[in-house]
Amino acid sequence: MELEKLKKSLEESPIVKYGEYNYFIHPITDGVLEMPPEVLEEVTEAIMQTSSFEGCNKLVTAEAMGIPLGIAVSLKSGLPLNIIRKKSYGLEGEHKIKQITGYSKSDMYINALEAGDRIILIDDVLSTGGTLKCILETLRDMDVEVLEVIIAIEKTDRKKELERELGIEIKTLVKVEVVEGKVVVE
């Protein structure tokens, strides 16, 4: 899939700086600016083509920006969606994740997953890999089998290193970098 609508929208994304970190603002990764339905549809179709969903019994995504992608893929695949939340609900069996990214630390919570579940993890962006690492470690501690990791946008040069470190292939749809204040799709 060519993902022309996604690529064009990424190239038009505004850039903001947080210290030395160049951060692009995009509806798929931030929910800021309007999300054109044709871009969401294109990304959803690409995710559907990236996975066979064989043996999967649940989809998992992280709040907040994994939610639009997770919902769209759940509707297309017919698989239930579990959202890793930033708020504890104190439900029985809730698991806490210590999230550490390149720019923040916080807690996240997983509910309604059980040992033996076979999931596909869907998310919006791969930057430092901090969130992904924390989620995968917790899921493995719970004896949940992660069949695939599918992330819409890759913004890192560490993907191969992260795959080795985490012991799983990370499938991404597009790779971007910020060059001279502009998003460049590779």
C-alpha atoms as a PDB file:
ATOM      1  CA  MET A   1       0.000   0.000   0.000  1.00  0.00           C
ATOM      2  CA  GLU A   2       1.363   3.392  -0.989  1.00  0.00           C
ATOM      3  CA  LEU A   3      -0.116   5.427   1.907  1.00  0.00           C
ATOM      4  CA  GLU A   4      -0.023   8.604  -0.176  1.00  0.00           C
ATOM      5  CA  LYS A   5      -2.626  10.446   1.922  1.00  0.00           C
ATOM      6  CA  LEU A   6      -0.762   9.665   5.152  1.00  0.00           C
ATOM      7  CA  LYS A   7       2.586  10.649   3.665  1.00  0.00           C
ATOM      8  CA  LYS A   8       1.251  13.949   2.322  1.00  0.00           C
ATOM      9  CA  SER A   9      -0.387  14.806   5.652  1.00  0.00           C
ATOM     10  CA  LEU A  10       2.853  13.996   7.503  1.00  0.00           C
ATOM     11  CA  GLU A  11       4.905  16.203   5.191  1.00  0.00           C
ATOM     12  CA  GLU A  12       2.509  19.071   5.943  1.00  0.00           C
ATOM     13  CA  SER A  13       2.763  18.603   9.742  1.00  0.00           C
ATOM     14  CA  PRO A  14       3.855  21.525  11.900  1.00  0.00           C
ATOM     15  CA  ILE A  15       6.957  21.071  14.079  1.00  0.00           C
ATOM     16  CA  VAL A  16       7.373  22.233  17.677  1.00  0.00           C
ATOM     17  CA  LYS A  17      10.521  21.998  19.775  1.00  0.00           C
ATOM     18  CA  TYR A  18      10.613  20.600  23.313  1.00  0.00           C
ATOM     19  CA  GLY A  19      14.169  21.345  24.396  1.00  0.00           C
ATOM     20  CA  GLU A  20      16.267  19.637  21.730  1.00  0.00           C
ATOM     21  CA  TYR A  21      13.441  17.295  20.708  1.00  0.00           C
ATOM     22  CA  ASN A  22      11.747  18.067  17.355  1.00  0.00           C
ATOM     23  CA  TYR A  23       8.137  17.031  17.738  1.00  0.00           C
ATOM     24  CA  PHE A  24       5.795  16.895  14.763  1.00  0.00           C
ATOM     25  CA  ILE A  25       2.081  17.479  15.328  1.00  0.00           C
ATOM     26  CA  HIS A  26      -0.193  15.122  13.402  1.00  0.00           C
ATOM     27  CA  PRO A  27      -3.753  13.846  13.880  1.00  0.00           C
ATOM     28  CA  ILE A  28      -2.657  10.175  13.982  1.00  0.00           C
ATOM     29  CA  THR A  29       0.017  10.780  16.637  1.00  0.00           C
ATOM     30  CA  ASP A  30      -1.473  13.646  18.635  1.00  0.00           C
ATOM     31  CA  GLY A  31      -5.171  14.034  17.899  1.00  0.00           C
ATOM     32  CA  VAL A  32      -4.427  17.689  17.220  1.00  0.00           C
ATOM     33  CA  LEU A  33      -5.610  19.199  13.976  1.00  0.00           C
ATOM     34  CA  GLU A  34      -8.510  17.447  12.349  1.00  0.00           C
ATOM     35  CA  MET A  35      -8.170  13.809  11.387  1.00  0.00           C
ATOM     36  CA  PRO A  36      -9.286  13.375   7.792  1.00  0.00           C
ATOM     37  CA  PRO A  37     -11.336  10.175   7.547  1.00  0.00           C
ATOM     38  CA  GLU A  38      -9.527   9.190   4.355  1.00  0.00           C
ATOM     39  CA  VAL A  39      -6.167   9.216   6.205  1.00  0.00           C
ATOM     40  CA  LEU A  40      -7.574   7.104   9.055  1.00  0.00           C
ATOM     41  CA  GLU A  41      -9.130   4.720   6.531  1.00  0.00           C
ATOM     42  CA  GLU A  42      -5.857   4.419   4.608  1.00  0.00           C
ATOM     43  CA  VAL A  43      -3.889   3.663   7.799  1.00  0.00           C
ATOM     44  CA  THR A  44      -6.539   1.158   8.951  1.00  0.00           C
ATOM     45  CA  GLU A  45      -6.443  -0.673   5.618  1.00  0.00           C
ATOM     46  CA  ALA A  46      -2.637  -0.794   5.748  1.00  0.00           C
ATOM     47  CA  ILE A  47      -2.765  -2.308   9.249  1.00  0.00           C
ATOM     48  CA  MET A  48      -5.323  -4.862   8.040  1.00  0.00           C
ATOM     49  CA  GLN A  49      -2.996  -5.825   5.180  1.00  0.00           C
ATOM     50  CA  THR A  50       0.050  -5.984   7.487  1.00  0.00           C
ATOM     51  CA  SER A  51      -1.369  -8.727   9.716  1.00  0.00           C
ATOM     52  CA  SER A  52      -3.102 -12.041   9.182  1.00  0.00           C
ATOM     53  CA  PHE A  53      -4.697 -11.816  12.675  1.00  0.00           C
ATOM     54  CA  GLU A  54      -4.281 -15.591  12.796  1.00  0.00           C
ATOM     55  CA  GLY A  55      -4.596 -16.940  16.329  1.00  0.00           C
ATOM     56  CA  CYS A  56      -5.267 -13.492  17.770  1.00  0.00           C
ATOM     57  CA  ASN A  57      -8.123 -13.201  20.267  1.00  0.00           C
ATOM     58  CA  LYS A  58      -7.745  -9.527  21.284  1.00  0.00           C
ATOM     59  CA  LEU A  59      -6.318  -6.253  20.085  1.00  0.00           C
ATOM     60  CA  VAL A  60      -4.472  -4.017  22.538  1.00  0.00           C
ATOM     61  CA  THR A  61      -3.599  -0.349  22.219  1.00  0.00           C
ATOM     62  CA  ALA A  62      -2.408   2.444  24.476  1.00  0.00           C
ATOM     63  CA  GLU A  63      -4.267   5.574  25.445  1.00  0.00           C
ATOM     64  CA  ALA A  64      -4.565   8.083  23.957  1.00  0.00           C
ATOM     65  CA  MET A  65      -3.615   8.069  20.289  1.00  0.00           C
ATOM     66  CA  GLY A  66      -3.663   4.329  19.803  1.00  0.00           C
ATOM     67  CA  ILE A  67      -7.415   4.460  20.438  1.00  0.00           C
ATOM     68  CA  PRO A  68      -8.598   5.716  17.001  1.00  0.00           C
ATOM     69  CA  LEU A  69      -6.440   3.116  15.255  1.00  0.00           C
ATOM     70  CA  GLY A  70      -7.464   0.350  17.658  1.00  0.00           C
ATOM     71  CA  ILE A  71     -11.171   1.096  17.243  1.00  0.00           C
ATOM     72  CA  ALA A  72     -10.937   1.175  13.454  1.00  0.00           C
ATOM     73  CA  VAL A  73      -9.009  -2.131  13.315  1.00  0.00           C
ATOM     74  CA  SER A  74     -11.386  -3.725  15.842  1.00  0.00           C
ATOM     75  CA  LEU A  75     -14.374  -2.810  13.662  1.00  0.00           C
ATOM     76  CA  LYS A  76     -12.683  -4.184  10.525  1.00  0.00           C
ATOM     77  CA  SER A  77     -11.292  -7.361  12.126  1.00  0.00           C
ATOM     78  CA  GLY A  78     -14.175  -8.196  14.466  1.00  0.00           C
ATOM     79  CA  LEU A  79     -11.707  -8.597  17.357  1.00  0.00           C
ATOM     80  CA  PRO A  80     -12.324  -7.053  20.790  1.00  0.00           C
ATOM     81  CA  LEU A  81     -10.167  -4.084  21.759  1.00  0.00           C
ATOM     82  CA  ASN A  82      -8.429  -3.627  25.099  1.00  0.00           C
ATOM     83  CA  ILE A  83      -7.138  -0.137  25.884  1.00  0.00           C
ATOM     84  CA  ILE A  84      -4.198   0.428  28.189  1.00  0.00           C
ATOM     85  CA  ARG A  85      -5.371   3.386  30.259  1.00  0.00           C
ATOM     86  CA  LYS A  86      -3.615   6.224  32.059  1.00  0.00           C
ATOM     87  CA  LYS A  87      -6.073   5.980  34.958  1.00  0.00           C
ATOM     88  CA  SER A  88      -6.420   3.177  37.480  1.00  0.00           C
ATOM     89  CA  TYR A  89      -9.913   1.802  37.928  1.00  0.00           C
ATOM     90  CA  GLY A  90      -8.891  -0.562  40.724  1.00  0.00           C
ATOM     91  CA  LEU A  91     -10.545  -3.532  39.070  1.00  0.00           C
ATOM     92  CA  GLU A  92      -9.563  -7.050  40.066  1.00  0.00           C
ATOM     93  CA  GLY A  93      -6.638  -8.219  37.958  1.00  0.00           C
ATOM     94  CA  GLU A  94      -5.522  -4.707  37.007  1.00  0.00           C
ATOM     95  CA  HIS A  95      -1.806  -4.488  36.155  1.00  0.00           C
ATOM     96  CA  LYS A  96       0.285  -1.337  36.469  1.00  0.00           C
ATOM     97  CA  ILE A  97       2.845  -0.313  33.837  1.00  0.00           C
ATOM     98  CA  LYS A  98       5.599   2.167  34.671  1.00  0.00           C
ATOM     99  CA  GLN A  99       5.740   4.153  31.424  1.00  0.00           C
ATOM    100  CA  ILE A 100       9.038   5.869  30.647  1.00  0.00           C
ATOM    101  CA  THR A 101       9.438   7.768  27.385  1.00  0.00           C
ATOM    102  CA  GLY A 102      12.036  10.155  26.072  1.00  0.00           C
ATOM    103  CA  TYR A 103      10.148  13.065  27.608  1.00  0.00           C
ATOM    104  CA  SER A 104       7.933  11.782  30.467  1.00  0.00           C
ATOM    105  CA  LYS A 105       7.258   9.206  33.176  1.00  0.00           C
ATOM    106  CA  SER A 106       3.808   8.028  34.233  1.00  0.00           C
ATOM    107  CA  ASP A 107       1.746   5.001  35.130  1.00  0.00           C
ATOM    108  CA  MET A 108      -0.566   3.101  32.810  1.00  0.00           C
ATOM    109  CA  TYR A 109      -2.991   0.281  33.607  1.00  0.00           C
ATOM    110  CA  ILE A 110      -4.099  -2.895  31.853  1.00  0.00           C
ATOM    111  CA  ASN A 111      -7.425  -4.553  32.630  1.00  0.00           C
ATOM    112  CA  ALA A 112      -9.318  -7.537  31.190  1.00  0.00           C
ATOM    113  CA  LEU A 113      -6.329  -9.465  29.864  1.00  0.00           C
ATOM    114  CA  GLU A 114      -5.598 -12.967  31.063  1.00  0.00           C
ATOM    115  CA  ALA A 115      -2.718 -15.407  30.878  1.00  0.00           C
ATOM    116  CA  GLY A 116      -2.940 -17.207  27.549  1.00  0.00           C
ATOM    117  CA  ASP A 117      -4.489 -14.312  25.639  1.00  0.00           C
ATOM    118  CA  ARG A 118      -2.915 -13.898  22.210  1.00  0.00           C
ATOM    119  CA  ILE A 119      -2.862 -10.265  21.208  1.00  0.00           C
ATOM    120  CA  ILE A 120      -1.774  -7.852  18.524  1.00  0.00           C
ATOM    121  CA  LEU A 121      -0.470  -4.562  19.871  1.00  0.00           C
ATOM    122  CA  ILE A 122      -1.369  -1.534  17.739  1.00  0.00           C
ATOM    123  CA  ASP A 123      -0.020   1.959  18.371  1.00  0.00           C
ATOM    124  CA  ASP A 124       0.416   5.317  16.670  1.00  0.00           C
ATOM    125  CA  VAL A 125       4.136   6.174  16.827  1.00  0.00           C
ATOM    126  CA  LEU A 126       7.473   4.594  17.711  1.00  0.00           C
ATOM    127  CA  SER A 127       9.962   7.195  18.959  1.00  0.00           C
ATOM    128  CA  THR A 128      12.170   6.174  21.863  1.00  0.00           C
ATOM    129  CA  GLY A 129      10.543   2.770  22.355  1.00  0.00           C
ATOM    130  CA  GLY A 130      10.039   3.494  26.055  1.00  0.00           C
ATOM    131  CA  THR A 131       6.283   2.967  26.098  1.00  0.00           C
ATOM    132  CA  LEU A 132       6.518  -0.148  23.931  1.00  0.00           C
ATOM    133  CA  LYS A 133       9.202  -1.675  26.141  1.00  0.00           C
ATOM    134  CA  CYS A 134       7.202  -1.142  29.336  1.00  0.00           C
ATOM    135  CA  ILE A 135       4.016  -2.523  27.781  1.00  0.00           C
ATOM    136  CA  LEU A 136       5.713  -5.631  26.368  1.00  0.00           C
ATOM    137  CA  GLU A 137       7.477  -6.388  29.658  1.00  0.00           C
ATOM    138  CA  THR A 138       4.204  -6.183  31.579  1.00  0.00           C
ATOM    139  CA  LEU A 139       2.282  -8.272  29.037  1.00  0.00           C
ATOM    140  CA  ARG A 140       4.956 -10.965  29.136  1.00  0.00           C
ATOM    141  CA  ASP A 141       4.908 -10.945  32.943  1.00  0.00           C
ATOM    142  CA  MET A 142       1.155 -11.539  32.663  1.00  0.00           C
ATOM    143  CA  ASP A 143       1.766 -14.528  30.319  1.00  0.00           C
ATOM    144  CA  VAL A 144      -0.025 -12.728  27.484  1.00  0.00           C
ATOM    145  CA  GLU A 145       1.399 -13.707  24.105  1.00  0.00           C
ATOM    146  CA  VAL A 146       2.150 -10.775  21.834  1.00  0.00           C
ATOM    147  CA  LEU A 147       1.792 -12.102  18.296  1.00  0.00           C
ATOM    148  CA  GLU A 148       2.582  -8.845  16.511  1.00  0.00           C
ATOM    149  CA  VAL A 149       3.403  -5.211  17.119  1.00  0.00           C
ATOM    150  CA  ILE A 150       2.069  -2.858  14.451  1.00  0.00           C
ATOM    151  CA  ILE A 151       2.819   0.854  14.691  1.00  0.00           C
ATOM    152  CA  ALA A 152       1.648   3.428  12.167  1.00  0.00           C
ATOM    153  CA  ILE A 153       4.572   5.863  12.214  1.00  0.00           C
ATOM    154  CA  GLU A 154       8.238   5.178  12.955  1.00  0.00           C
ATOM    155  CA  LYS A 155      10.307   8.114  14.145  1.00  0.00           C
ATOM    156  CA  THR A 156      13.527   6.489  15.307  1.00  0.00           C
ATOM    157  CA  ASP A 157      16.789   5.083  14.071  1.00  0.00           C
ATOM    158  CA  ARG A 158      16.642   2.481  16.853  1.00  0.00           C
ATOM    159  CA  LYS A 159      13.980   0.133  15.452  1.00  0.00           C
ATOM    160  CA  LYS A 160      16.351  -2.770  14.728  1.00  0.00           C
ATOM    161  CA  GLU A 161      18.046  -2.315  18.107  1.00  0.00           C
ATOM    162  CA  LEU A 162      14.635  -2.267  19.819  1.00  0.00           C
ATOM    163  CA  GLU A 163      13.563  -5.427  17.965  1.00  0.00           C
ATOM    164  CA  ARG A 164      16.677  -7.245  19.203  1.00  0.00           C
ATOM    165  CA  GLU A 165      16.257  -5.914  22.736  1.00  0.00           C
ATOM    166  CA  LEU A 166      12.532  -6.724  22.889  1.00  0.00           C
ATOM    167  CA  GLY A 167      12.703  -9.993  20.955  1.00  0.00           C
ATOM    168  CA  ILE A 168       9.891  -9.144  18.546  1.00  0.00           C
ATOM    169  CA  GLU A 169       9.514  -7.709  15.055  1.00  0.00           C
ATOM    170  CA  ILE A 170       8.050  -4.207  15.059  1.00  0.00           C
ATOM    171  CA  LYS A 171       6.012  -3.591  11.929  1.00  0.00           C
ATOM    172  CA  THR A 172       5.678   0.066  10.944  1.00  0.00           C
ATOM    173  CA  LEU A 173       3.781   1.594   8.044  1.00  0.00           C
ATOM    174  CA  VAL A 174       5.945   4.649   7.357  1.00  0.00           C
ATOM    175  CA  LYS A 175       9.232   6.018   8.648  1.00  0.00           C
ATOM    176  CA  VAL A 176       9.747   9.730   9.158  1.00  0.00           C
ATOM    177  CA  GLU A 177      12.397  12.089  10.390  1.00  0.00           C
ATOM    178  CA  VAL A 178      12.450  15.789  11.029  1.00  0.00           C
ATOM    179  CA  VAL A 179      15.040  17.520   8.838  1.00  0.00           C
ATOM    180  CA  GLU A 180      15.551  21.274   8.931  1.00  0.00           C
ATOM    181  CA  GLY A 181      12.142  21.846  10.527  1.00  0.00           C
ATOM    182  CA  LYS A 182      10.210  19.629   8.113  1.00  0.00           C
ATOM    183  CA  VAL A 183       8.851  16.079   8.275  1.00  0.00           C
ATOM    184  CA  VAL A 184      10.504  13.885   5.669  1.00  0.00           C
ATOM    185  CA  VAL A 185       8.942  10.507   4.845  1.00  0.00           C
ATOM    186  CA  GLU A 186      11.636   7.952   4.037  1.00  0.00           C
END
